[in-house]
Amino acid sequence: MAATLFNFDKDAGRIILKEELQALKGSIINNMRAANEVASGRTIASLHVTDEQERATLWGHFPFGVLETGRRAGKVPYGFGQIILQWLKDKGLHGEPIPYKTDRPHKYSPQERGDLSMAYAIAYTIKQKGSSLHRKGGRADIYSNVIPATLERVRSRFMKFMKLQVEESIKINTKKGNK
């Protein structure tokens, strides 16, 4: 019959991981705000930590990685111009008003025409060349710079916890007469 040296408390390990992931989430959000990478707030709202039986995970919506890499050129989703128009509105950006040359009633105001023109020009450029961030080679100041420090803190906290668990187990075994 094999004796167990120590029992690792999985709940405590999961709590350590969850705490560090919550801190990582906060750092990522702070970095997004510092880099002015917040438009509608949907990306921030998508960040959440799940706590399952033997693990904890930090989740974000699918295109989260483009915060650092930018969007490459190529196929774009249907209605991409409208998506960019909404992004411009969320950022509070406007195109140059484009006045009409006739006096008849028109569907859009001159400002709306300018906004649409700007949105579709941006959408076309992204489709053909990729986003400006992608063309510049990306960045590493949203999440890449904080992940290594988080991993080191998790490792350090786990090691301290394991050391305490082993020391406690040795004390218990010694008291029982198991030397």
Foldseek 3Di string as FASTA:
>chain_A
DDDDLFDDDQVVLQVLQQVLLVVLLVQLVVLCVVVVVDFQCQQNVQWDWDRDDRHIDTDTDDVPVCLFQFWAAADDDPPQLVVQLVSCVSNVHWFDFDDDPDDDDDPDGSRVVRSSVVSVVQSVCCNHGTHPCNVVGGHCRNRNVCVVVSVVSSVVVVVVSVVVRSVVSVVVCVVVVND
